[in-house]
Amino acid sequence: MNGPEIHVEFAPGLRVFVPHGRRSGPTPVATDGSSTLGHVVESLGVPLTEVGALVVNGRTVATSHLPAAADSVEVRAVERPQPVPGAPLRFLLDVHLGTLARRMRLLGVDTAYESLDVGDPALAARSAAEQRVMLSRDRGLLRRRELWAGAFVYSTRPDEQLRDVLGRFAPALRPWSRCTACNGLLEAASKDEVAEQLEGGTRRSYDVFARCAECGRAYWRGAHHQQLDAIVGRAVAEFGAK
């Protein structure tokens, strides 16, 4: 590139995306003279979904800003909690985030999930059509312009992923209200209504049931309930139920 040289500094939380040489303060970046600042930031490895503000020479600018020689650029991280205007807060997760999807549904957060690798264009189109925040660890997917909104999932550990999403977006938590299999809403059901899904021991041991209004799956406080209750308890204690 032979355009103007600028100096760019990334917020600490964004340095995971850039080479080690750009993690310790402002560093020079040669531009081509025609690319926007948003394009420059993405070319350095940071998805714009993770950028809260671009500050040039002390003034906040849009991603469409054209850099000029000697510009001093601060790339700030998104504010937390991050507002997502214009639609009820709901999410779409890609094929690699199945455990996170189930835990979000367990907490009553509207969470769509693609269990098959349908491809980035299809995911981005669904995010836009249903106005869902796309959660992914795929930076290429998060760079697609047709996304309604998106966020990078920083950890590979489900516990940390869940805390990160809840802390970033502060969704309303309504535990035990959604089907962990399909995201449908649960409704109370009698034992007779779900009898065909129950084995003999379950029929004898449990009397309180729920059923998904979408897929019909039955729920009860079974053998894994203590583990699930612990997940719910930690989330509610830290982020609160609404």
Foldseek 3Di string as FASTA:
>chain_A
DAAAKEWEAEDQVQCVQADPVRRPGIDIDHDDQQQFQLVVVVVRGGQCLFFQFKAWPNRTDDSRHGDHHHIYIYGYGRDKQHDQPDDQAAAEEELLCLVLLLLCVQQVGHYHYDVDCPDLVVSQVVQQVVVYEYEECDSVSSNDPSHSGYDYQDDSDSLSSNVVVCGHNVHATDGPQADSVGRAGKDWDFCVLCVVVDDPVCSVPDTTWIAGPPPGDIDDCDDCNVVSVVSNVVCCVVRNHD
